[in-house]
Amino acid sequence: MLEERIRFHGYDPDARAQFRKGSFSLLTSKSEGHPLVLLESMAAGCIPIAYDIEFGPSDIITHGVNGS
């Protein structure tokens, strides 16, 4: 069951340590300006996955190079 494999942790003051543990991060919003969470994820070596919206993620992520 997915409930046994997926947990939503909420706010974490040491998010970088959590990103280091993860294989990827998801940004599921369809409208973003310049999401810092993508930069934080990438800086910790955690591959970001986001919608290909016109502004924001598409300005930061190069598909197949540093995210999807």
PDB file of N, CA and C in Angstrom:
ATOM      1  N   MET A   1       0.835  -1.183   0.000  1.00  0.00           N
ATOM      2  CA  MET A   1       0.000   0.000   0.000  1.00  0.00           C
ATOM      3  C   MET A   1       0.882   1.249   0.000  1.00  0.00           C
ATOM      4  N   LEU A   2       0.399   2.248  -0.675  1.00  0.00           N
ATOM      5  CA  LEU A   2       1.148   3.496  -0.749  1.00  0.00           C
ATOM      6  C   LEU A   2       1.304   4.153   0.608  1.00  0.00           C
ATOM      7  N   GLU A   3       0.310   4.016   1.464  1.00  0.00           N
ATOM      8  CA  GLU A   3       0.370   4.636   2.787  1.00  0.00           C
ATOM      9  C   GLU A   3       1.589   4.168   3.581  1.00  0.00           C
ATOM     10  N   GLU A   4       2.058   2.976   3.294  1.00  0.00           N
ATOM     11  CA  GLU A   4       3.218   2.431   3.994  1.00  0.00           C
ATOM     12  C   GLU A   4       4.540   2.947   3.412  1.00  0.00           C
ATOM     13  N   ARG A   5       4.489   3.492   2.209  1.00  0.00           N
ATOM     14  CA  ARG A   5       5.713   3.908   1.513  1.00  0.00           C
ATOM     15  C   ARG A   5       5.882   5.410   1.395  1.00  0.00           C
ATOM     16  N   ILE A   6       4.811   6.149   1.523  1.00  0.00           N
ATOM     17  CA  ILE A   6       4.852   7.599   1.319  1.00  0.00           C
ATOM     18  C   ILE A   6       4.422   8.307   2.589  1.00  0.00           C
ATOM     19  N   ARG A   7       5.219   9.293   3.011  1.00  0.00           N
ATOM     20  CA  ARG A   7       4.854  10.131   4.156  1.00  0.00           C
ATOM     21  C   ARG A   7       5.065  11.590   3.781  1.00  0.00           C
ATOM     22  N   PHE A   8       4.141  12.438   4.181  1.00  0.00           N
ATOM     23  CA  PHE A   8       4.280  13.878   4.026  1.00  0.00           C
ATOM     24  C   PHE A   8       4.735  14.422   5.368  1.00  0.00           C
ATOM     25  N   HIS A   9       5.914  15.001   5.396  1.00  0.00           N
ATOM     26  CA  HIS A   9       6.517  15.415   6.650  1.00  0.00           C
ATOM     27  C   HIS A   9       6.149  16.833   7.083  1.00  0.00           C
ATOM     28  N   GLY A  10       5.758  17.680   6.144  1.00  0.00           N
ATOM     29  CA  GLY A  10       5.500  19.067   6.508  1.00  0.00           C
ATOM     30  C   GLY A  10       6.804  19.837   6.677  1.00  0.00           C
ATOM     31  N   TYR A  11       6.771  20.917   7.428  1.00  0.00           N
ATOM     32  CA  TYR A  11       7.937  21.779   7.615  1.00  0.00           C
ATOM     33  C   TYR A  11       9.063  21.042   8.337  1.00  0.00           C
ATOM     34  N   ASP A  12      10.284  21.257   7.861  1.00  0.00           N
ATOM     35  CA  ASP A  12      11.465  20.685   8.504  1.00  0.00           C
ATOM     36  C   ASP A  12      12.555  21.748   8.481  1.00  0.00           C
ATOM     37  N   PRO A  13      13.057  22.169   9.621  1.00  0.00           N
ATOM     38  CA  PRO A  13      14.083  23.210   9.642  1.00  0.00           C
ATOM     39  C   PRO A  13      15.406  22.757   9.013  1.00  0.00           C
ATOM     40  N   ASP A  14      15.603  21.458   8.846  1.00  0.00           N
ATOM     41  CA  ASP A  14      16.807  20.946   8.200  1.00  0.00           C
ATOM     42  C   ASP A  14      16.423  20.217   6.908  1.00  0.00           C
ATOM     43  N   ALA A  15      15.751  20.942   6.027  1.00  0.00           N
ATOM     44  CA  ALA A  15      15.259  20.343   4.788  1.00  0.00           C
ATOM     45  C   ALA A  15      16.401  19.805   3.934  1.00  0.00           C
ATOM     46  N   ARG A  16      17.549  20.439   3.961  1.00  0.00           N
ATOM     47  CA  ARG A  16      18.674  19.979   3.148  1.00  0.00           C
ATOM     48  C   ARG A  16      19.033  18.522   3.476  1.00  0.00           C
ATOM     49  N   ALA A  17      19.031  18.162   4.742  1.00  0.00           N
ATOM     50  CA  ALA A  17      19.331  16.782   5.137  1.00  0.00           C
ATOM     51  C   ALA A  17      18.281  15.826   4.573  1.00  0.00           C
ATOM     52  N   GLN A  18      17.019  16.254   4.532  1.00  0.00           N
ATOM     53  CA  GLN A  18      15.963  15.409   3.976  1.00  0.00           C
ATOM     54  C   GLN A  18      16.129  15.250   2.469  1.00  0.00           C
ATOM     55  N   PHE A  19      16.495  16.329   1.786  1.00  0.00           N
ATOM     56  CA  PHE A  19      16.733  16.247   0.343  1.00  0.00           C
ATOM     57  C   PHE A  19      17.892  15.304   0.039  1.00  0.00           C
ATOM     58  N   ARG A  20      18.913  15.313   0.865  1.00  0.00           N
ATOM     59  CA  ARG A  20      20.053  14.411   0.656  1.00  0.00           C
ATOM     60  C   ARG A  20      19.651  12.946   0.758  1.00  0.00           C
ATOM     61  N   LYS A  21      18.644  12.648   1.554  1.00  0.00           N
ATOM     62  CA  LYS A  21      18.170  11.275   1.713  1.00  0.00           C
ATOM     63  C   LYS A  21      17.310  10.826   0.530  1.00  0.00           C
ATOM     64  N   GLY A  22      16.684  11.769  -0.150  1.00  0.00           N
ATOM     65  CA  GLY A  22      15.730  11.434  -1.203  1.00  0.00           C
ATOM     66  C   GLY A  22      16.364  11.198  -2.558  1.00  0.00           C
ATOM     67  N   SER A  23      15.672  10.479  -3.394  1.00  0.00           N
ATOM     68  CA  SER A  23      16.107  10.244  -4.770  1.00  0.00           C
ATOM     69  C   SER A  23      15.626  11.359  -5.684  1.00  0.00           C
ATOM     70  N   PHE A  24      14.452  11.912  -5.366  1.00  0.00           N
ATOM     71  CA  PHE A  24      13.877  12.974  -6.185  1.00  0.00           C
ATOM     72  C   PHE A  24      12.918  13.799  -5.337  1.00  0.00           C
ATOM     73  N   SER A  25      12.576  14.978  -5.842  1.00  0.00           N
ATOM     74  CA  SER A  25      11.558  15.813  -5.201  1.00  0.00           C
ATOM     75  C   SER A  25      10.507  16.152  -6.253  1.00  0.00           C
ATOM     76  N   LEU A  26       9.284  16.371  -5.809  1.00  0.00           N
ATOM     77  CA  LEU A  26       8.184  16.710  -6.705  1.00  0.00           C
ATOM     78  C   LEU A  26       7.687  18.116  -6.424  1.00  0.00           C
ATOM     79  N   LEU A  27       7.512  18.888  -7.472  1.00  0.00           N
ATOM     80  CA  LEU A  27       6.854  20.187  -7.372  1.00  0.00           C
ATOM     81  C   LEU A  27       5.589  20.055  -8.212  1.00  0.00           C
ATOM     82  N   THR A  28       4.463  19.907  -7.541  1.00  0.00           N
ATOM     83  CA  THR A  28       3.225  19.559  -8.234  1.00  0.00           C
ATOM     84  C   THR A  28       2.331  20.752  -8.571  1.00  0.00           C
ATOM     85  N   SER A  29       2.736  21.952  -8.192  1.00  0.00           N
ATOM     86  CA  SER A  29       1.900  23.105  -8.515  1.00  0.00           C
ATOM     87  C   SER A  29       2.028  23.433  -9.998  1.00  0.00           C
ATOM     88  N   LYS A  30       0.973  23.972 -10.559  1.00  0.00           N
ATOM     89  CA  LYS A  30       0.954  24.312 -11.983  1.00  0.00           C
ATOM     90  C   LYS A  30       1.191  25.801 -12.213  1.00  0.00           C
ATOM     91  N   SER A  31       1.505  26.538 -11.140  1.00  0.00           N
ATOM     92  CA  SER A  31       1.776  27.965 -11.243  1.00  0.00           C
ATOM     93  C   SER A  31       2.821  28.335 -10.203  1.00  0.00           C
ATOM     94  N   GLU A  32       3.984  28.758 -10.642  1.00  0.00           N
ATOM     95  CA  GLU A  32       5.073  29.131  -9.737  1.00  0.00           C
ATOM     96  C   GLU A  32       5.816  30.323 -10.308  1.00  0.00           C
ATOM     97  N   GLY A  33       6.389  31.131  -9.440  1.00  0.00           N
ATOM     98  CA  GLY A  33       7.234  32.224  -9.879  1.00  0.00           C
ATOM     99  C   GLY A  33       8.654  31.712 -10.050  1.00  0.00           C
ATOM    100  N   HIS A  34       9.387  31.704  -8.965  1.00  0.00           N
ATOM    101  CA  HIS A  34      10.757  31.178  -8.961  1.00  0.00           C
ATOM    102  C   HIS A  34      10.885  30.323  -7.705  1.00  0.00           C
ATOM    103  N   PRO A  35      10.506  29.060  -7.783  1.00  0.00           N
ATOM    104  CA  PRO A  35      10.416  28.214  -6.596  1.00  0.00           C
ATOM    105  C   PRO A  35      11.790  27.866  -6.009  1.00  0.00           C
ATOM    106  N   LEU A  36      12.085  28.399  -4.846  1.00  0.00           N
ATOM    107  CA  LEU A  36      13.362  28.131  -4.188  1.00  0.00           C
ATOM    108  C   LEU A  36      13.521  26.667  -3.812  1.00  0.00           C
ATOM    109  N   VAL A  37      12.409  25.972  -3.611  1.00  0.00           N
ATOM    110  CA  VAL A  37      12.497  24.558  -3.252  1.00  0.00           C
ATOM    111  C   VAL A  37      13.222  23.755  -4.336  1.00  0.00           C
ATOM    112  N   LEU A  38      13.098  24.153  -5.591  1.00  0.00           N
ATOM    113  CA  LEU A  38      13.825  23.459  -6.655  1.00  0.00           C
ATOM    114  C   LEU A  38      15.330  23.658  -6.506  1.00  0.00           C
ATOM    115  N   LEU A  39      15.733  24.875  -6.210  1.00  0.00           N
ATOM    116  CA  LEU A  39      17.160  25.158  -6.023  1.00  0.00           C
ATOM    117  C   LEU A  39      17.710  24.439  -4.804  1.00  0.00           C
ATOM    118  N   GLU A  40      16.928  24.388  -3.733  1.00  0.00           N
ATOM    119  CA  GLU A  40      17.353  23.681  -2.521  1.00  0.00           C
ATOM    120  C   GLU A  40      17.504  22.189  -2.802  1.00  0.00           C
ATOM    121  N   SER A  41      16.558  21.643  -3.523  1.00  0.00           N
ATOM    122  CA  SER A  41      16.606  20.226  -3.879  1.00  0.00           C
ATOM    123  C   SER A  41      17.836  19.922  -4.725  1.00  0.00           C
ATOM    124  N   MET A  42      18.058  20.724  -5.753  1.00  0.00           N
ATOM    125  CA  MET A  42      19.191  20.513  -6.652  1.00  0.00           C
ATOM    126  C   MET A  42      20.518  20.673  -5.928  1.00  0.00           C
ATOM    127  N   ALA A  43      20.607  21.645  -5.034  1.00  0.00           N
ATOM    128  CA  ALA A  43      21.846  21.874  -4.287  1.00  0.00           C
ATOM    129  C   ALA A  43      22.208  20.686  -3.409  1.00  0.00           C
ATOM    130  N   ALA A  44      21.202  19.919  -2.989  1.00  0.00           N
ATOM    131  CA  ALA A  44      21.444  18.754  -2.144  1.00  0.00           C
ATOM    132  C   ALA A  44      21.597  17.475  -2.967  1.00  0.00           C
ATOM    133  N   GLY A  45      21.561  17.592  -4.298  1.00  0.00           N
ATOM    134  CA  GLY A  45      21.716  16.424  -5.150  1.00  0.00           C
ATOM    135  C   GLY A  45      20.457  15.605  -5.337  1.00  0.00           C
ATOM    136  N   CYS A  46      19.317  16.197  -5.034  1.00  0.00           N
ATOM    137  CA  CYS A  46      18.022  15.526  -5.156  1.00  0.00           C
ATOM    138  C   CYS A  46      17.367  16.010  -6.457  1.00  0.00           C
ATOM    139  N   ILE A  47      17.095  15.094  -7.369  1.00  0.00           N
ATOM    140  CA  ILE A  47      16.583  15.446  -8.696  1.00  0.00           C
ATOM    141  C   ILE A  47      15.162  15.998  -8.591  1.00  0.00           C
ATOM    142  N   PRO A  48      14.917  17.216  -9.116  1.00  0.00           N
ATOM    143  CA  PRO A  48      13.559  17.770  -9.070  1.00  0.00           C
ATOM    144  C   PRO A  48      12.725  17.323 -10.269  1.00  0.00           C
ATOM    145  N   ILE A  49      11.456  17.066 -10.011  1.00  0.00           N
ATOM    146  CA  ILE A  49      10.494  16.745 -11.060  1.00  0.00           C
ATOM    147  C   ILE A  49       9.363  17.751 -10.920  1.00  0.00           C
ATOM    148  N   ALA A  50       9.028  18.434 -12.031  1.00  0.00           N
ATOM    149  CA  ALA A  50       8.017  19.490 -11.981  1.00  0.00           C
ATOM    150  C   ALA A  50       7.255  19.547 -13.303  1.00  0.00           C
ATOM    151  N   TYR A  51       6.090  20.180 -13.279  1.00  0.00           N
ATOM    152  CA  TYR A  51       5.354  20.432 -14.503  1.00  0.00           C
ATOM    153  C   TYR A  51       6.158  21.386 -15.380  1.00  0.00           C
ATOM    154  N   ASP A  52       6.041  21.224 -16.691  1.00  0.00           N
ATOM    155  CA  ASP A  52       6.723  22.104 -17.640  1.00  0.00           C
ATOM    156  C   ASP A  52       5.853  23.337 -17.882  1.00  0.00           C
ATOM    157  N   ILE A  53       5.822  24.216 -16.874  1.00  0.00           N
ATOM    158  CA  ILE A  53       5.044  25.449 -17.007  1.00  0.00           C
ATOM    159  C   ILE A  53       5.960  26.539 -17.547  1.00  0.00           C
ATOM    160  N   GLU A  54       5.363  27.566 -18.111  1.00  0.00           N
ATOM    161  CA  GLU A  54       6.129  28.573 -18.858  1.00  0.00           C
ATOM    162  C   GLU A  54       7.183  29.300 -18.021  1.00  0.00           C
ATOM    163  N   PHE A  55       6.871  29.629 -16.805  1.00  0.00           N
ATOM    164  CA  PHE A  55       7.823  30.367 -15.973  1.00  0.00           C
ATOM    165  C   PHE A  55       8.145  29.553 -14.727  1.00  0.00           C
ATOM    166  N   GLY A  56       9.267  29.793 -14.120  1.00  0.00           N
ATOM    167  CA  GLY A  56       9.631  29.116 -12.881  1.00  0.00           C
ATOM    168  C   GLY A  56      10.453  27.874 -13.135  1.00  0.00           C
ATOM    169  N   PRO A  57       9.854  26.684 -12.963  1.00  0.00           N
ATOM    170  CA  PRO A  57      10.618  25.443 -13.109  1.00  0.00           C
ATOM    171  C   PRO A  57      11.332  25.323 -14.452  1.00  0.00           C
ATOM    172  N   SER A  58      10.681  25.734 -15.538  1.00  0.00           N
ATOM    173  CA  SER A  58      11.315  25.604 -16.854  1.00  0.00           C
ATOM    174  C   SER A  58      12.521  26.534 -17.013  1.00  0.00           C
ATOM    175  N   ASP A  59      12.616  27.555 -16.179  1.00  0.00           N
ATOM    176  CA  ASP A  59      13.783  28.443 -16.196  1.00  0.00           C
ATOM    177  C   ASP A  59      14.948  27.867 -15.404  1.00  0.00           C
ATOM    178  N   ILE A  60      14.666  26.900 -14.543  1.00  0.00           N
ATOM    179  CA  ILE A  60      15.664  26.337 -13.633  1.00  0.00           C
ATOM    180  C   ILE A  60      16.116  24.945 -14.077  1.00  0.00           C
ATOM    181  N   ILE A  61      15.164  24.115 -14.501  1.00  0.00           N
ATOM    182  CA  ILE A  61      15.434  22.719 -14.824  1.00  0.00           C
ATOM    183  C   ILE A  61      15.703  22.555 -16.315  1.00  0.00           C
ATOM    184  N   THR A  62      16.769  21.854 -16.642  1.00  0.00           N
ATOM    185  CA  THR A  62      17.041  21.429 -18.006  1.00  0.00           C
ATOM    186  C   THR A  62      16.707  19.946 -18.072  1.00  0.00           C
ATOM    187  N   HIS A  63      15.646  19.601 -18.801  1.00  0.00           N
ATOM    188  CA  HIS A  63      15.143  18.232 -18.833  1.00  0.00           C
ATOM    189  C   HIS A  63      16.254  17.241 -19.210  1.00  0.00           C
ATOM    190  N   GLY A  64      16.380  16.212 -18.413  1.00  0.00           N
ATOM    191  CA  GLY A  64      17.364  15.174 -18.673  1.00  0.00           C
ATOM    192  C   GLY A  64      18.776  15.501 -18.246  1.00  0.00           C
ATOM    193  N   VAL A  65      19.004  16.749 -17.811  1.00  0.00           N
ATOM    194  CA  VAL A  65      20.337  17.154 -17.365  1.00  0.00           C
ATOM    195  C   VAL A  65      20.362  17.283 -15.843  1.00  0.00           C
ATOM    196  N   ASN A  66      19.464  18.116 -15.314  1.00  0.00           N
ATOM    197  CA  ASN A  66      19.435  18.323 -13.858  1.00  0.00           C
ATOM    198  C   ASN A  66      18.037  18.179 -13.272  1.00  0.00           C
ATOM    199  N   GLY A  67      17.159  17.518 -14.006  1.00  0.00           N
ATOM    200  CA  GLY A  67      15.805  17.287 -13.511  1.00  0.00           C
ATOM    201  C   GLY A  67      14.891  16.848 -14.632  1.00  0.00           C
ATOM    202  N   SER A  68      13.595  16.738 -14.301  1.00  0.00           N
ATOM    203  CA  SER A  68      12.590  16.346 -15.298  1.00  0.00           C
ATOM    204  C   SER A  68      11.369  17.218 -15.172  1.00  0.00           C
TER     205      SER A  68
END
